[in-house]
Amino acid sequence: MTYDLVAALHPLLSAEASAEAYAAGSEPGDLEQAVWLRLLERLETEGPPPDPQGWLRKAVRAEARRSRRTSRRERPYGTEPADDTRTDPEQYALTAARYRALREAVHRLPGRCPRLIEALLSPEDPTYREIAGELGISQGSLGPERSRCLGCLRRLLTPEVASREVRG
C-alpha cells in the first residue's frame, strides 16, 4: 500500500517541488525530502490521507512557506565554522602543547638564561632597561646574552620539533 502511494505521488511531488522550490529559496530535492518525511510521519500516526494528491499539494506549499520563513531568519557565516581556527579545540590543544614544550625547554636552559627568556616572553613586555635591571646585568650585554640563550634554546628544541615532523 505505501509503495503504491509513493509511486503514484512521486511524479506529482517532483513537479510541485520544482514549481515551488526556487521561489522559496530552496532546492527541489530538499523540498521533496521534507514532504516525503511529512508523509511518512502521517502514515505512522494517522494512516494515508483521504485525498493524497490534495494533501501533497498542501504539504508542498506548507514546506515552501516554512523554507521561506527560515531563509529570512538565517544569516550566513562570515567564514565556514570548520575554517574558523580561533574556536578550534584541536588548535587550542596544539598551541597549549607548544607553549608547554617551550616553557619546559626554557627551564632546562643553563645559567641566567631561564630568567632572561622568561622576561622576554613576559606578557607585560618589559623594556631592555627593565630586564637588565631585573637580572643585574648591563643593558649593553643583554643583546649578546639573549642571542646566546636563544641559541641554547634552539638546540634544545630542535630534537623535539624534528621528532614530531612526518617523515617520508
C-alpha atoms as a PDB file:
ATOM      1  CA  MET A   1       0.000   0.000   0.000  1.00  0.00           C
ATOM      2  CA  THR A   2       2.712   2.512   0.994  1.00  0.00           C
ATOM      3  CA  TYR A   3       4.858   1.653  -2.035  1.00  0.00           C
ATOM      4  CA  ASP A   4       1.890   2.164  -4.374  1.00  0.00           C
ATOM      5  CA  LEU A   5       1.114   5.519  -2.766  1.00  0.00           C
ATOM      6  CA  VAL A   6       4.740   6.688  -3.053  1.00  0.00           C
ATOM      7  CA  ALA A   7       4.966   5.510  -6.669  1.00  0.00           C
ATOM      8  CA  ALA A   8       1.701   7.266  -7.553  1.00  0.00           C
ATOM      9  CA  LEU A   9       2.660  10.538  -5.838  1.00  0.00           C
ATOM     10  CA  HIS A  10       6.297  10.747  -6.994  1.00  0.00           C
ATOM     11  CA  PRO A  11       5.713  12.494 -10.377  1.00  0.00           C
ATOM     12  CA  LEU A  12       3.279  14.977  -8.823  1.00  0.00           C
ATOM     13  CA  LEU A  13       5.639  15.721  -5.935  1.00  0.00           C
ATOM     14  CA  SER A  14       8.569  16.269  -8.308  1.00  0.00           C
ATOM     15  CA  ALA A  15       6.544  18.718 -10.393  1.00  0.00           C
ATOM     16  CA  GLU A  16       5.127  20.593  -7.385  1.00  0.00           C
ATOM     17  CA  ALA A  17       8.509  20.789  -5.657  1.00  0.00           C
ATOM     18  CA  SER A  18      10.182  22.087  -8.820  1.00  0.00           C
ATOM     19  CA  ALA A  19       7.487  24.750  -9.185  1.00  0.00           C
ATOM     20  CA  GLU A  20       7.664  25.943  -5.541  1.00  0.00           C
ATOM     21  CA  ALA A  21      11.285  25.425  -4.503  1.00  0.00           C
ATOM     22  CA  TYR A  22      13.086  28.285  -6.202  1.00  0.00           C
ATOM     23  CA  ALA A  23      10.534  30.859  -5.109  1.00  0.00           C
ATOM     24  CA  ALA A  24      11.001  29.529  -1.574  1.00  0.00           C
ATOM     25  CA  GLY A  25      14.778  29.856  -1.840  1.00  0.00           C
ATOM     26  CA  SER A  26      15.485  26.146  -1.575  1.00  0.00           C
ATOM     27  CA  GLU A  27      16.326  23.200  -3.778  1.00  0.00           C
ATOM     28  CA  PRO A  28      13.559  20.994  -5.214  1.00  0.00           C
ATOM     29  CA  GLY A  29      15.213  17.886  -3.771  1.00  0.00           C
ATOM     30  CA  ASP A  30      15.210  19.396  -0.270  1.00  0.00           C
ATOM     31  CA  LEU A  31      11.542  20.264  -0.572  1.00  0.00           C
ATOM     32  CA  GLU A  32      10.709  16.773  -1.851  1.00  0.00           C
ATOM     33  CA  GLN A  33      12.586  15.174   1.017  1.00  0.00           C
ATOM     34  CA  ALA A  34      10.746  17.294   3.604  1.00  0.00           C
ATOM     35  CA  VAL A  35       7.371  16.353   2.117  1.00  0.00           C
ATOM     36  CA  TRP A  36       8.271  12.641   1.982  1.00  0.00           C
ATOM     37  CA  LEU A  37       9.163  12.837   5.680  1.00  0.00           C
ATOM     38  CA  ARG A  38       5.849  14.510   6.468  1.00  0.00           C
ATOM     39  CA  LEU A  39       4.031  11.773   4.541  1.00  0.00           C
ATOM     40  CA  LEU A  40       5.866   9.000   6.388  1.00  0.00           C
ATOM     41  CA  GLU A  41       5.105  10.640   9.736  1.00  0.00           C
ATOM     42  CA  ARG A  42       1.441  10.908   8.774  1.00  0.00           C
ATOM     43  CA  LEU A  43       1.303   7.296   7.624  1.00  0.00           C
ATOM     44  CA  GLU A  44       2.646   6.166  11.024  1.00  0.00           C
ATOM     45  CA  THR A  45       0.214   8.240  13.087  1.00  0.00           C
ATOM     46  CA  GLU A  46      -2.950   8.792  11.035  1.00  0.00           C
ATOM     47  CA  GLY A  47      -2.697   6.484   8.035  1.00  0.00           C
ATOM     48  CA  PRO A  48      -2.907   7.555   4.390  1.00  0.00           C
ATOM     49  CA  PRO A  49      -4.652  10.846   3.627  1.00  0.00           C
ATOM     50  CA  PRO A  50      -8.143  10.567   2.125  1.00  0.00           C
ATOM     51  CA  ASP A  51      -7.134  12.798  -0.827  1.00  0.00           C
ATOM     52  CA  PRO A  52      -3.403  12.045  -1.388  1.00  0.00           C
ATOM     53  CA  GLN A  53      -2.934  14.495  -4.285  1.00  0.00           C
ATOM     54  CA  GLY A  54      -4.626  17.355  -2.440  1.00  0.00           C
ATOM     55  CA  TRP A  55      -2.679  16.584   0.740  1.00  0.00           C
ATOM     56  CA  LEU A  56       0.571  16.526  -1.244  1.00  0.00           C
ATOM     57  CA  ARG A  57      -0.086  19.938  -2.840  1.00  0.00           C
ATOM     58  CA  LYS A  58      -0.877  21.454   0.578  1.00  0.00           C
ATOM     59  CA  ALA A  59       2.205  19.825   2.131  1.00  0.00           C
ATOM     60  CA  VAL A  60       4.485  21.167  -0.629  1.00  0.00           C
ATOM     61  CA  ARG A  61       3.144  24.697  -0.162  1.00  0.00           C
ATOM     62  CA  ALA A  62       3.433  24.458   3.632  1.00  0.00           C
ATOM     63  CA  GLU A  63       7.051  23.287   3.366  1.00  0.00           C
ATOM     64  CA  ALA A  64       7.809  26.060   0.868  1.00  0.00           C
ATOM     65  CA  ARG A  65       6.393  28.654   3.320  1.00  0.00           C
ATOM     66  CA  ARG A  66       8.445  27.161   6.145  1.00  0.00           C
ATOM     67  CA  SER A  67      11.540  27.284   3.945  1.00  0.00           C
ATOM     68  CA  ARG A  68      10.915  30.954   3.084  1.00  0.00           C
ATOM     69  CA  ARG A  69      10.465  31.883   6.757  1.00  0.00           C
ATOM     70  CA  THR A  70      13.602  30.002   7.708  1.00  0.00           C
ATOM     71  CA  SER A  71      15.708  31.538   4.938  1.00  0.00           C
ATOM     72  CA  ARG A  72      14.644  35.051   6.028  1.00  0.00           C
ATOM     73  CA  ARG A  73      15.866  34.421   9.569  1.00  0.00           C
ATOM     74  CA  GLU A  74      19.091  32.640   8.678  1.00  0.00           C
ATOM     75  CA  ARG A  75      22.244  34.670   8.233  1.00  0.00           C
ATOM     76  CA  PRO A  76      25.327  33.298   6.504  1.00  0.00           C
ATOM     77  CA  TYR A  77      28.552  32.901   8.443  1.00  0.00           C
ATOM     78  CA  GLY A  78      31.449  35.184   7.523  1.00  0.00           C
ATOM     79  CA  THR A  79      33.593  32.066   7.223  1.00  0.00           C
ATOM     80  CA  GLU A  80      32.799  28.410   7.399  1.00  0.00           C
ATOM     81  CA  PRO A  81      32.744  27.270  11.038  1.00  0.00           C
ATOM     82  CA  ALA A  82      35.177  24.495  10.207  1.00  0.00           C
ATOM     83  CA  ASP A  83      37.654  27.062   8.840  1.00  0.00           C
ATOM     84  CA  ASP A  84      37.482  29.253  11.939  1.00  0.00           C
ATOM     85  CA  THR A  85      40.762  28.448  13.692  1.00  0.00           C
ATOM     86  CA  ARG A  86      40.024  30.698  16.663  1.00  0.00           C
ATOM     87  CA  THR A  87      37.465  28.289  18.104  1.00  0.00           C
ATOM     88  CA  ASP A  88      39.026  25.023  17.012  1.00  0.00           C
ATOM     89  CA  PRO A  89      39.581  22.862  20.129  1.00  0.00           C
ATOM     90  CA  GLU A  90      42.317  20.879  18.395  1.00  0.00           C
ATOM     91  CA  GLN A  91      44.162  24.102  17.554  1.00  0.00           C
ATOM     92  CA  TYR A  92      43.872  25.245  21.181  1.00  0.00           C
ATOM     93  CA  ALA A  93      45.303  21.938  22.383  1.00  0.00           C
ATOM     94  CA  LEU A  94      48.196  22.045  19.915  1.00  0.00           C
ATOM     95  CA  THR A  95      49.020  25.652  20.778  1.00  0.00           C
ATOM     96  CA  ALA A  96      48.931  24.868  24.508  1.00  0.00           C
ATOM     97  CA  ALA A  97      51.241  21.881  23.952  1.00  0.00           C
ATOM     98  CA  ARG A  98      53.717  24.062  22.028  1.00  0.00           C
ATOM     99  CA  TYR A  99      53.741  26.685  24.793  1.00  0.00           C
ATOM    100  CA  ARG A 100      54.188  23.970  27.411  1.00  0.00           C
ATOM    101  CA  ALA A 101      57.135  22.479  25.488  1.00  0.00           C
ATOM    102  CA  LEU A 102      58.682  25.935  25.130  1.00  0.00           C
ATOM    103  CA  ARG A 103      58.321  26.695  28.856  1.00  0.00           C
ATOM    104  CA  GLU A 104      59.808  23.305  29.798  1.00  0.00           C
ATOM    105  CA  ALA A 105      62.763  23.886  27.475  1.00  0.00           C
ATOM    106  CA  VAL A 106      63.289  27.390  28.916  1.00  0.00           C
ATOM    107  CA  HIS A 107      63.532  25.925  32.430  1.00  0.00           C
ATOM    108  CA  ARG A 108      66.254  23.495  31.247  1.00  0.00           C
ATOM    109  CA  LEU A 109      68.482  26.336  29.983  1.00  0.00           C
ATOM    110  CA  PRO A 110      71.789  26.990  31.789  1.00  0.00           C
ATOM    111  CA  GLY A 111      72.729  29.979  33.982  1.00  0.00           C
ATOM    112  CA  ARG A 112      70.557  33.069  33.879  1.00  0.00           C
ATOM    113  CA  CYS A 113      69.028  32.124  30.532  1.00  0.00           C
ATOM    114  CA  PRO A 114      65.725  30.901  32.033  1.00  0.00           C
ATOM    115  CA  ARG A 115      65.150  34.250  33.775  1.00  0.00           C
ATOM    116  CA  LEU A 116      66.150  36.201  30.652  1.00  0.00           C
ATOM    117  CA  ILE A 117      63.885  34.228  28.287  1.00  0.00           C
ATOM    118  CA  GLU A 118      61.003  34.353  30.797  1.00  0.00           C
ATOM    119  CA  ALA A 119      61.417  38.130  30.933  1.00  0.00           C
ATOM    120  CA  LEU A 120      61.410  38.318  27.122  1.00  0.00           C
ATOM    121  CA  LEU A 121      58.271  36.144  26.935  1.00  0.00           C
ATOM    122  CA  SER A 122      56.511  38.093  29.683  1.00  0.00           C
ATOM    123  CA  PRO A 123      53.043  39.414  28.792  1.00  0.00           C
ATOM    124  CA  GLU A 124      53.974  42.730  30.463  1.00  0.00           C
ATOM    125  CA  ASP A 125      56.510  43.284  27.639  1.00  0.00           C
ATOM    126  CA  PRO A 126      59.269  44.884  29.740  1.00  0.00           C
ATOM    127  CA  THR A 127      61.900  47.110  28.108  1.00  0.00           C
ATOM    128  CA  TYR A 128      65.565  46.081  27.808  1.00  0.00           C
ATOM    129  CA  ARG A 129      66.384  48.552  30.583  1.00  0.00           C
ATOM    130  CA  GLU A 130      63.847  46.883  32.914  1.00  0.00           C
ATOM    131  CA  ILE A 131      65.097  43.387  32.040  1.00  0.00           C
ATOM    132  CA  ALA A 132      68.740  44.385  32.548  1.00  0.00           C
ATOM    133  CA  GLY A 133      67.861  45.934  35.938  1.00  0.00           C
ATOM    134  CA  GLU A 134      65.930  42.837  36.996  1.00  0.00           C
ATOM    135  CA  LEU A 135      68.779  40.486  36.021  1.00  0.00           C
ATOM    136  CA  GLY A 136      71.524  42.742  37.354  1.00  0.00           C
ATOM    137  CA  ILE A 137      73.469  42.980  34.074  1.00  0.00           C
ATOM    138  CA  SER A 138      74.302  45.915  31.841  1.00  0.00           C
ATOM    139  CA  GLN A 139      71.877  46.817  29.105  1.00  0.00           C
ATOM    140  CA  GLY A 140      74.677  46.537  26.504  1.00  0.00           C
ATOM    141  CA  SER A 141      75.367  42.879  27.348  1.00  0.00           C
ATOM    142  CA  LEU A 142      71.691  41.968  27.193  1.00  0.00           C
ATOM    143  CA  GLY A 143      71.688  41.536  23.373  1.00  0.00           C
ATOM    144  CA  PRO A 144      74.657  39.102  23.237  1.00  0.00           C
ATOM    145  CA  GLU A 145      73.293  37.244  26.285  1.00  0.00           C
ATOM    146  CA  ARG A 146      69.880  36.980  24.642  1.00  0.00           C
ATOM    147  CA  SER A 147      71.488  35.678  21.441  1.00  0.00           C
ATOM    148  CA  ARG A 148      73.439  33.018  23.365  1.00  0.00           C
ATOM    149  CA  CYS A 149      70.326  31.951  25.312  1.00  0.00           C
ATOM    150  CA  LEU A 150      68.193  31.733  22.165  1.00  0.00           C
ATOM    151  CA  GLY A 151      70.899  29.588  20.540  1.00  0.00           C
ATOM    152  CA  CYS A 152      70.793  27.223  23.529  1.00  0.00           C
ATOM    153  CA  LEU A 153      67.005  27.148  23.373  1.00  0.00           C
ATOM    154  CA  ARG A 154      67.100  26.411  19.650  1.00  0.00           C
ATOM    155  CA  ARG A 155      69.455  23.470  20.247  1.00  0.00           C
ATOM    156  CA  LEU A 156      67.181  22.136  22.989  1.00  0.00           C
ATOM    157  CA  LEU A 157      64.046  22.382  20.885  1.00  0.00           C
ATOM    158  CA  THR A 158      65.470  21.081  17.588  1.00  0.00           C
ATOM    159  CA  PRO A 159      65.272  17.374  18.520  1.00  0.00           C
ATOM    160  CA  GLU A 160      61.722  17.790  19.852  1.00  0.00           C
ATOM    161  CA  VAL A 161      60.496  19.641  16.763  1.00  0.00           C
ATOM    162  CA  ALA A 162      62.296  17.303  14.370  1.00  0.00           C
ATOM    163  CA  SER A 163      60.895  14.168  16.018  1.00  0.00           C
ATOM    164  CA  ARG A 164      57.292  15.399  15.629  1.00  0.00           C
ATOM    165  CA  GLU A 165      57.503  16.039  11.888  1.00  0.00           C
ATOM    166  CA  VAL A 166      56.135  13.486   9.452  1.00  0.00           C
ATOM    167  CA  ARG A 167      58.909  11.805   7.541  1.00  0.00           C
ATOM    168  CA  GLY A 168      58.910  10.275   4.111  1.00  0.00           C
END
